[in-house]
């Protein structure tokens, strides 16, 4: 198995295990499967924004192989709109404003997912959307500051 496949398998496994544990804690706290489902959605489905980058590059040409190999990064851009501390912070503030436990659980799960990604990246600014905007989502600029990141080599 190649190094990138091992990294991807580890990353997916880590996110899945941590999210399942968090879902269990959420279910224990609220006793409601709906909140556990929101936790699962926030913790796992945040990665759907990789599809945004994929379809931005390949349009409707679908290839699971190209997606898994992150070949869509050949576009020279990386957007990842949901992998954003700003969006998670806004969702958390909205959960407080509307007194919404569901939105709070969802933003917590997204935050835990992003925290894992954050500490796996040598570029501590990478997961700030404003930072990526300033860098014009340019992979080379982000890569220069994130040398060695397992997804962006």
N, C-alpha and C. Protein backbone atom coordinates (compact mmCIF):
# COMPACT_ATOMS: atom_id res chain seq x y z
N UNK A 1 0.85 -1.18 0.00
CA UNK A 1 0.00 0.00 0.00
C UNK A 1 0.89 1.24 0.00
N UNK A 2 0.58 2.20 -0.87
CA UNK A 2 1.41 3.41 -0.96
C UNK A 2 1.24 4.27 0.29
N UNK A 3 2.19 5.17 0.47
CA UNK A 3 2.17 6.05 1.63
C UNK A 3 0.92 6.93 1.66
N UNK A 4 0.52 7.46 0.51
CA UNK A 4 -0.67 8.32 0.48
C UNK A 4 -1.93 7.54 0.81
N UNK A 5 -2.01 6.27 0.37
CA UNK A 5 -3.17 5.43 0.71
C UNK A 5 -3.19 5.13 2.21
N UNK A 6 -2.00 4.88 2.80
CA UNK A 6 -1.93 4.65 4.24
C UNK A 6 -2.37 5.90 4.99
N UNK A 7 -1.92 7.07 4.54
CA UNK A 7 -2.31 8.32 5.19
C UNK A 7 -3.81 8.55 5.09
N UNK A 8 -4.37 8.31 3.92
CA UNK A 8 -5.81 8.48 3.73
C UNK A 8 -6.59 7.51 4.60
N UNK A 9 -6.16 6.25 4.64
CA UNK A 9 -6.83 5.24 5.46
C UNK A 9 -6.76 5.62 6.94
N UNK A 10 -5.59 6.07 7.39
CA UNK A 10 -5.44 6.50 8.78
C UNK A 10 -6.35 7.69 9.06
N UNK A 11 -6.34 8.67 8.18
CA UNK A 11 -7.13 9.89 8.37
C UNK A 11 -8.62 9.56 8.45
N UNK A 12 -9.11 8.77 7.50
CA UNK A 12 -10.53 8.40 7.50
C UNK A 12 -10.89 7.60 8.74
N UNK A 13 -10.02 6.68 9.12
CA UNK A 13 -10.26 5.86 10.31
C UNK A 13 -10.30 6.72 11.57
N UNK A 14 -9.35 7.62 11.69
CA UNK A 14 -9.30 8.49 12.86
C UNK A 14 -10.56 9.34 12.96
N UNK A 15 -10.96 9.96 11.85
CA UNK A 15 -12.18 10.77 11.87
C UNK A 15 -13.40 9.92 12.23
N UNK A 16 -13.48 8.72 11.67
CA UNK A 16 -14.62 7.86 11.93
C UNK A 16 -14.68 7.45 13.41
N UNK A 17 -13.56 6.99 13.95
CA UNK A 17 -13.52 6.54 15.35
C UNK A 17 -13.85 7.68 16.31
N UNK A 18 -13.23 8.82 16.12
CA UNK A 18 -13.48 9.96 17.00
C UNK A 18 -14.94 10.40 16.90
N UNK A 19 -15.48 10.42 15.68
CA UNK A 19 -16.87 10.84 15.50
C UNK A 19 -17.83 9.85 16.15
N UNK A 20 -17.58 8.56 16.01
CA UNK A 20 -18.45 7.57 16.64
C UNK A 20 -18.43 7.71 18.16
N UNK A 21 -17.26 7.93 18.73
CA UNK A 21 -17.15 8.14 20.18
C UNK A 21 -17.93 9.40 20.59
N UNK A 22 -17.75 10.47 19.81
CA UNK A 22 -18.46 11.72 20.09
C UNK A 22 -19.98 11.51 19.97
N UNK A 23 -20.41 10.76 18.97
CA UNK A 23 -21.84 10.46 18.80
C UNK A 23 -22.37 9.71 20.02
N UNK A 24 -21.59 8.78 20.52
CA UNK A 24 -21.99 8.04 21.73
C UNK A 24 -22.15 8.97 22.92
N UNK A 25 -21.22 9.90 23.08
CA UNK A 25 -21.31 10.87 24.18
C UNK A 25 -22.52 11.78 24.02
N UNK A 26 -22.79 12.18 22.78
CA UNK A 26 -23.95 13.04 22.50
C UNK A 26 -25.23 12.27 22.80
N UNK A 27 -25.29 11.01 22.39
CA UNK A 27 -26.48 10.21 22.67
C UNK A 27 -26.66 10.03 24.18
N UNK A 28 -25.57 9.79 24.90
CA UNK A 28 -25.62 9.64 26.36
C UNK A 28 -26.14 10.92 27.01
N UNK A 29 -25.68 12.07 26.51
CA UNK A 29 -26.09 13.37 27.08
C UNK A 29 -27.56 13.68 26.79
N UNK A 30 -27.99 13.50 25.54
CA UNK A 30 -29.34 13.91 25.14
C UNK A 30 -30.34 12.76 25.08
N UNK A 31 -29.86 11.52 24.97
CA UNK A 31 -30.76 10.38 24.86
C UNK A 31 -31.62 10.43 23.61
N UNK A 32 -31.09 11.04 22.56
CA UNK A 32 -31.87 11.25 21.35
C UNK A 32 -31.02 10.89 20.12
N UNK A 33 -31.51 9.95 19.33
CA UNK A 33 -30.77 9.49 18.15
C UNK A 33 -30.63 10.60 17.12
N UNK A 34 -31.56 11.54 17.12
CA UNK A 34 -31.49 12.66 16.17
C UNK A 34 -30.22 13.49 16.42
N UNK A 35 -29.93 13.77 17.68
CA UNK A 35 -28.72 14.53 17.99
C UNK A 35 -27.45 13.74 17.64
N UNK A 36 -27.50 12.44 17.87
CA UNK A 36 -26.36 11.60 17.49
C UNK A 36 -26.18 11.64 15.97
N UNK A 37 -27.27 11.65 15.23
CA UNK A 37 -27.21 11.76 13.77
C UNK A 37 -26.64 13.09 13.32
N UNK A 38 -27.03 14.17 13.99
CA UNK A 38 -26.45 15.48 13.68
C UNK A 38 -24.95 15.50 13.95
N UNK A 39 -24.55 14.81 15.00
CA UNK A 39 -23.12 14.70 15.33
C UNK A 39 -22.39 13.95 14.22
N UNK A 40 -22.98 12.84 13.78
CA UNK A 40 -22.38 12.07 12.69
C UNK A 40 -22.26 12.92 11.43
N UNK A 41 -23.31 13.66 11.12
CA UNK A 41 -23.31 14.53 9.94
C UNK A 41 -22.21 15.58 10.04
N UNK A 42 -22.10 16.22 11.18
CA UNK A 42 -21.08 17.26 11.36
C UNK A 42 -19.66 16.71 11.32
N UNK A 43 -19.48 15.52 11.88
CA UNK A 43 -18.13 14.96 11.98
C UNK A 43 -17.63 14.26 10.73
N UNK A 44 -18.52 13.71 9.95
CA UNK A 44 -18.11 12.95 8.77
C UNK A 44 -18.40 13.72 7.48
N UNK A 45 -19.59 14.27 7.39
CA UNK A 45 -20.01 14.88 6.14
C UNK A 45 -19.35 16.23 5.86
N UNK A 46 -18.59 16.75 6.83
CA UNK A 46 -17.79 17.95 6.57
C UNK A 46 -16.85 17.69 5.39
N UNK A 47 -16.45 16.43 5.22
CA UNK A 47 -15.53 16.08 4.15
C UNK A 47 -16.17 16.13 2.76
N UNK A 48 -17.47 16.34 2.71
CA UNK A 48 -18.12 16.47 1.40
C UNK A 48 -17.60 17.69 0.64
N UNK A 49 -16.98 18.63 1.34
CA UNK A 49 -16.45 19.79 0.62
C UNK A 49 -15.28 19.42 -0.28
N UNK A 50 -14.71 18.23 -0.10
CA UNK A 50 -13.70 17.76 -1.05
C UNK A 50 -14.35 17.54 -2.42
N UNK A 51 -15.64 17.20 -2.40
CA UNK A 51 -16.37 17.04 -3.66
C UNK A 51 -16.50 18.38 -4.39
N UNK A 52 -16.61 19.46 -3.64
CA UNK A 52 -16.65 20.80 -4.25
C UNK A 52 -15.40 21.01 -5.08
N UNK A 53 -14.23 20.74 -4.48
CA UNK A 53 -12.96 20.89 -5.20
C UNK A 53 -12.90 19.95 -6.41
N UNK A 54 -13.38 18.70 -6.21
CA UNK A 54 -13.36 17.72 -7.30
C UNK A 54 -14.22 18.20 -8.47
N UNK A 55 -15.47 18.56 -8.21
CA UNK A 55 -16.38 18.95 -9.29
C UNK A 55 -16.00 20.29 -9.90
N UNK A 56 -15.37 21.15 -9.13
CA UNK A 56 -14.88 22.42 -9.69
C UNK A 56 -13.84 22.13 -10.77
N UNK A 57 -13.04 21.09 -10.56
CA UNK A 57 -11.99 20.74 -11.52
C UNK A 57 -12.51 19.84 -12.65
N UNK A 58 -13.24 18.79 -12.29
CA UNK A 58 -13.64 17.78 -13.29
C UNK A 58 -15.06 17.96 -13.83
N UNK A 59 -15.79 18.93 -13.32
CA UNK A 59 -17.20 19.13 -13.70
C UNK A 59 -17.98 17.86 -13.34
N UNK A 60 -18.71 17.28 -14.28
CA UNK A 60 -19.53 16.11 -13.97
C UNK A 60 -18.87 14.78 -14.31
N UNK A 61 -17.60 14.82 -14.70
CA UNK A 61 -16.88 13.57 -14.98
C UNK A 61 -16.53 12.93 -13.63
N UNK A 62 -17.16 11.80 -13.33
CA UNK A 62 -17.02 11.18 -12.02
C UNK A 62 -16.07 9.99 -12.11
N UNK A 63 -15.03 10.03 -11.27
CA UNK A 63 -14.09 8.93 -11.18
C UNK A 63 -13.69 8.78 -9.71
N UNK A 64 -14.14 7.71 -9.08
CA UNK A 64 -13.81 7.46 -7.69
C UNK A 64 -12.31 7.37 -7.50
N UNK A 65 -11.63 6.76 -8.46
CA UNK A 65 -10.18 6.60 -8.40
C UNK A 65 -9.48 7.96 -8.36
N UNK A 66 -9.90 8.87 -9.24
CA UNK A 66 -9.30 10.21 -9.26
C UNK A 66 -9.61 10.97 -7.97
N UNK A 67 -10.81 10.75 -7.45
CA UNK A 67 -11.18 11.42 -6.21
C UNK A 67 -10.32 10.95 -5.04
N UNK A 68 -10.22 9.64 -4.88
CA UNK A 68 -9.43 9.06 -3.78
C UNK A 68 -7.96 9.45 -3.88
N UNK A 69 -7.46 9.53 -5.09
CA UNK A 69 -6.05 9.91 -5.29
C UNK A 69 -5.86 11.43 -5.21
N UNK A 70 -6.90 12.16 -4.94
CA UNK A 70 -6.91 13.64 -4.88
C UNK A 70 -6.31 14.27 -6.13
N UNK A 71 -6.55 13.64 -7.28
CA UNK A 71 -6.03 14.16 -8.54
C UNK A 71 -6.64 15.52 -8.89
N UNK A 72 -7.79 15.83 -8.29
CA UNK A 72 -8.43 17.11 -8.56
C UNK A 72 -7.58 18.29 -8.08
N UNK A 73 -6.61 18.02 -7.24
CA UNK A 73 -5.72 19.09 -6.78
C UNK A 73 -4.78 19.56 -7.89
N UNK A 74 -4.76 18.83 -9.01
CA UNK A 74 -3.98 19.26 -10.16
C UNK A 74 -4.52 20.58 -10.71
N UNK A 75 -5.70 20.97 -10.28
CA UNK A 75 -6.29 22.24 -10.71
C UNK A 75 -5.48 23.43 -10.20
N UNK A 76 -4.66 23.19 -9.17
CA UNK A 76 -3.87 24.27 -8.59
C UNK A 76 -4.64 25.07 -7.55
N UNK A 77 -5.86 24.65 -7.25
CA UNK A 77 -6.70 25.36 -6.27
C UNK A 77 -7.17 24.38 -5.20
N UNK A 78 -7.38 24.92 -4.01
CA UNK A 78 -7.97 24.14 -2.93
C UNK A 78 -8.92 25.07 -2.17
N UNK A 79 -10.20 24.69 -2.17
CA UNK A 79 -11.23 25.56 -1.58
C UNK A 79 -11.69 25.05 -0.21
N UNK A 80 -12.14 23.82 -0.13
CA UNK A 80 -12.62 23.22 1.12
C UNK A 80 -13.49 24.18 1.93
N UNK A 81 -14.64 24.57 1.41
CA UNK A 81 -15.44 25.60 2.08
C UNK A 81 -15.91 25.25 3.49
N UNK A 82 -16.17 23.96 3.77
CA UNK A 82 -16.64 23.61 5.12
C UNK A 82 -15.51 23.46 6.13
N UNK A 83 -14.29 23.22 5.64
CA UNK A 83 -13.13 23.11 6.53
C UNK A 83 -12.69 24.53 6.89
N UNK A 84 -13.46 25.16 7.72
CA UNK A 84 -13.25 26.58 8.01
C UNK A 84 -13.59 26.88 9.47
N UNK A 85 -12.60 27.37 10.20
CA UNK A 85 -12.85 27.77 11.59
C UNK A 85 -13.90 28.87 11.65
N UNK A 86 -13.92 29.75 10.67
CA UNK A 86 -14.89 30.85 10.69
C UNK A 86 -16.33 30.32 10.60
N UNK A 87 -16.55 29.37 9.71
CA UNK A 87 -17.90 28.83 9.54
C UNK A 87 -18.34 28.08 10.80
N UNK A 88 -17.45 27.32 11.37
CA UNK A 88 -17.79 26.59 12.60
C UNK A 88 -18.10 27.57 13.73
N UNK A 89 -17.32 28.63 13.83
CA UNK A 89 -17.55 29.65 14.87
C UNK A 89 -18.92 30.31 14.67
N UNK A 90 -19.25 30.64 13.42
CA UNK A 90 -20.56 31.25 13.12
C UNK A 90 -21.69 30.29 13.48
N UNK A 91 -21.55 29.02 13.11
CA UNK A 91 -22.57 28.03 13.46
C UNK A 91 -22.72 27.90 14.97
N UNK A 92 -21.61 27.93 15.69
CA UNK A 92 -21.66 27.85 17.15
C UNK A 92 -22.37 29.07 17.73
N UNK A 93 -22.04 30.26 17.23
CA UNK A 93 -22.72 31.48 17.70
C UNK A 93 -24.22 31.42 17.41
N UNK A 94 -24.57 30.92 16.24
CA UNK A 94 -25.99 30.77 15.89
C UNK A 94 -26.68 29.78 16.83
N UNK A 95 -25.98 28.72 17.21
CA UNK A 95 -26.57 27.75 18.14
C UNK A 95 -26.84 28.40 19.49
N UNK A 96 -25.97 29.30 19.92
CA UNK A 96 -26.19 30.02 21.18
C UNK A 96 -27.33 31.02 21.04
N UNK A 97 -27.34 31.76 19.95
CA UNK A 97 -28.36 32.77 19.72
C UNK A 97 -29.76 32.15 19.66
N UNK A 98 -29.88 31.06 18.92
CA UNK A 98 -31.18 30.40 18.77
C UNK A 98 -31.44 29.34 19.84
N UNK A 99 -30.49 29.18 20.76
CA UNK A 99 -30.60 28.17 21.82
C UNK A 99 -30.90 26.79 21.21
N UNK A 100 -30.12 26.45 20.19
CA UNK A 100 -30.32 25.22 19.44
C UNK A 100 -29.26 24.19 19.81
N UNK A 101 -29.68 23.18 20.58
CA UNK A 101 -28.74 22.11 20.92
C UNK A 101 -28.29 21.36 19.67
N UNK A 102 -29.21 21.19 18.71
CA UNK A 102 -28.87 20.48 17.48
C UNK A 102 -27.77 21.17 16.70
N UNK A 103 -27.90 22.47 16.53
CA UNK A 103 -26.87 23.23 15.83
C UNK A 103 -25.57 23.24 16.62
N UNK A 104 -25.69 23.26 17.94
CA UNK A 104 -24.50 23.19 18.79
C UNK A 104 -23.77 21.88 18.63
N UNK A 105 -24.51 20.78 18.60
CA UNK A 105 -23.92 19.45 18.41
C UNK A 105 -23.26 19.36 17.03
N UNK A 106 -23.97 19.85 16.01
CA UNK A 106 -23.43 19.83 14.66
C UNK A 106 -22.12 20.61 14.57
N UNK A 107 -22.09 21.82 15.14
CA UNK A 107 -20.87 22.64 15.08
C UNK A 107 -19.76 22.03 15.94
N UNK A 108 -20.11 21.41 17.04
CA UNK A 108 -19.11 20.73 17.87
C UNK A 108 -18.44 19.60 17.09
N UNK A 109 -19.25 18.79 16.42
CA UNK A 109 -18.70 17.67 15.65
C UNK A 109 -17.82 18.17 14.51
N UNK A 110 -18.26 19.23 13.82
CA UNK A 110 -17.42 19.81 12.77
C UNK A 110 -16.11 20.32 13.37
N UNK A 111 -16.21 20.95 14.53
CA UNK A 111 -15.03 21.49 15.19
C UNK A 111 -14.03 20.41 15.59
N UNK A 112 -14.53 19.29 16.09
CA UNK A 112 -13.64 18.19 16.47
C UNK A 112 -12.95 17.62 15.23
N UNK A 113 -13.71 17.46 14.15
CA UNK A 113 -13.12 17.00 12.89
C UNK A 113 -12.01 17.95 12.44
N UNK A 114 -12.32 19.24 12.47
CA UNK A 114 -11.35 20.23 12.00
C UNK A 114 -10.14 20.32 12.92
N UNK A 115 -10.36 20.10 14.20
CA UNK A 115 -9.24 20.09 15.15
C UNK A 115 -8.25 18.99 14.81
N UNK A 116 -8.76 17.81 14.44
CA UNK A 116 -7.89 16.71 14.02
C UNK A 116 -7.10 17.13 12.78
N UNK A 117 -7.80 17.67 11.79
CA UNK A 117 -7.12 18.12 10.57
C UNK A 117 -6.09 19.21 10.87
N UNK A 118 -6.48 20.13 11.74
CA UNK A 118 -5.62 21.27 12.09
C UNK A 118 -4.27 20.80 12.63
N UNK A 119 -4.30 19.82 13.53
CA UNK A 119 -3.05 19.36 14.13
C UNK A 119 -2.28 18.39 13.25
N UNK A 120 -2.88 17.95 12.16
CA UNK A 120 -2.15 17.14 11.20
C UNK A 120 -1.45 18.01 10.16
N UNK A 121 -1.79 19.28 10.11
CA UNK A 121 -1.21 20.18 9.11
C UNK A 121 -0.12 21.04 9.74
N UNK A 122 1.03 21.13 9.08
CA UNK A 122 2.09 22.00 9.60
C UNK A 122 1.75 23.49 9.43
N UNK A 123 0.79 23.80 8.58
CA UNK A 123 0.38 25.18 8.35
C UNK A 123 -0.83 25.46 9.23
N UNK A 124 -0.63 26.11 10.37
CA UNK A 124 -1.70 26.34 11.34
C UNK A 124 -2.76 27.33 10.85
N UNK A 125 -2.51 28.00 9.73
CA UNK A 125 -3.50 28.93 9.20
C UNK A 125 -4.36 28.32 8.09
N UNK A 126 -3.99 27.14 7.64
CA UNK A 126 -4.62 26.52 6.48
C UNK A 126 -6.14 26.41 6.61
N UNK A 127 -6.63 26.12 7.79
CA UNK A 127 -8.07 25.88 7.96
C UNK A 127 -8.85 27.15 8.32
N UNK A 128 -8.27 28.29 8.06
CA UNK A 128 -9.00 29.55 8.13
C UNK A 128 -9.39 29.92 6.70
N UNK A 129 -10.67 30.02 6.45
CA UNK A 129 -11.14 30.35 5.10
C UNK A 129 -10.60 31.70 4.65
N UNK A 130 -10.53 32.66 5.55
CA UNK A 130 -10.01 33.98 5.17
C UNK A 130 -8.56 33.88 4.70
N UNK A 131 -7.79 33.00 5.31
CA UNK A 131 -6.40 32.80 4.90
C UNK A 131 -6.35 32.24 3.48
N UNK A 132 -7.19 31.23 3.20
CA UNK A 132 -7.21 30.65 1.86
C UNK A 132 -7.70 31.68 0.83
N UNK A 133 -8.63 32.52 1.23
CA UNK A 133 -9.10 33.58 0.33
C UNK A 133 -7.96 34.55 0.02
N UNK A 134 -7.23 34.97 1.06
CA UNK A 134 -6.09 35.88 0.88
C UNK A 134 -5.07 35.26 -0.08
N UNK A 135 -4.87 33.96 0.04
CA UNK A 135 -3.93 33.24 -0.83
C UNK A 135 -4.57 32.85 -2.16
N UNK A 136 -5.79 33.33 -2.40
CA UNK A 136 -6.54 33.08 -3.64
C UNK A 136 -6.71 31.58 -3.91
N UNK A 137 -6.80 30.81 -2.82
CA UNK A 137 -6.99 29.36 -2.89
C UNK A 137 -5.90 28.68 -3.71
N UNK A 138 -4.79 29.37 -3.90
CA UNK A 138 -3.69 28.88 -4.73
C UNK A 138 -2.92 27.79 -3.99
N UNK A 139 -2.99 26.59 -4.53
CA UNK A 139 -2.37 25.44 -3.89
C UNK A 139 -0.87 25.61 -3.72
N UNK A 140 -0.22 26.19 -4.71
CA UNK A 140 1.24 26.37 -4.61
C UNK A 140 1.62 27.28 -3.45
N UNK A 141 0.88 28.37 -3.27
CA UNK A 141 1.15 29.26 -2.14
C UNK A 141 0.87 28.56 -0.81
N UNK A 142 -0.24 27.84 -0.77
CA UNK A 142 -0.59 27.11 0.45
C UNK A 142 0.38 25.96 0.70
N UNK A 143 0.80 25.31 -0.37
CA UNK A 143 1.75 24.20 -0.27
C UNK A 143 3.11 24.70 0.22
N UNK A 144 3.53 25.83 -0.26
CA UNK A 144 4.83 26.38 0.15
C UNK A 144 4.87 26.61 1.65
N UNK A 145 3.72 26.91 2.22
CA UNK A 145 3.66 27.15 3.66
C UNK A 145 3.22 25.90 4.42
N UNK A 146 2.91 24.84 3.70
CA UNK A 146 2.45 23.61 4.33
C UNK A 146 3.21 22.41 3.81
N UNK A 147 4.50 22.56 3.59
CA UNK A 147 5.32 21.49 3.04
C UNK A 147 5.18 20.25 3.92
N UNK A 148 4.91 19.15 3.25
CA UNK A 148 4.83 17.88 3.96
C UNK A 148 3.42 17.47 4.34
N UNK A 149 2.41 18.31 4.13
CA UNK A 149 1.05 17.91 4.49
C UNK A 149 0.66 16.71 3.64
N UNK A 150 0.11 15.70 4.26
CA UNK A 150 -0.13 14.42 3.59
C UNK A 150 -1.08 14.52 2.41
N UNK A 151 -2.03 15.43 2.40
CA UNK A 151 -2.97 15.53 1.30
C UNK A 151 -2.47 16.42 0.17
N UNK A 152 -1.55 17.28 0.45
CA UNK A 152 -1.19 18.30 -0.53
C UNK A 152 0.26 18.20 -0.97
N UNK A 153 0.78 17.01 -1.05
CA UNK A 153 2.16 16.81 -1.52
C UNK A 153 2.18 16.82 -3.02
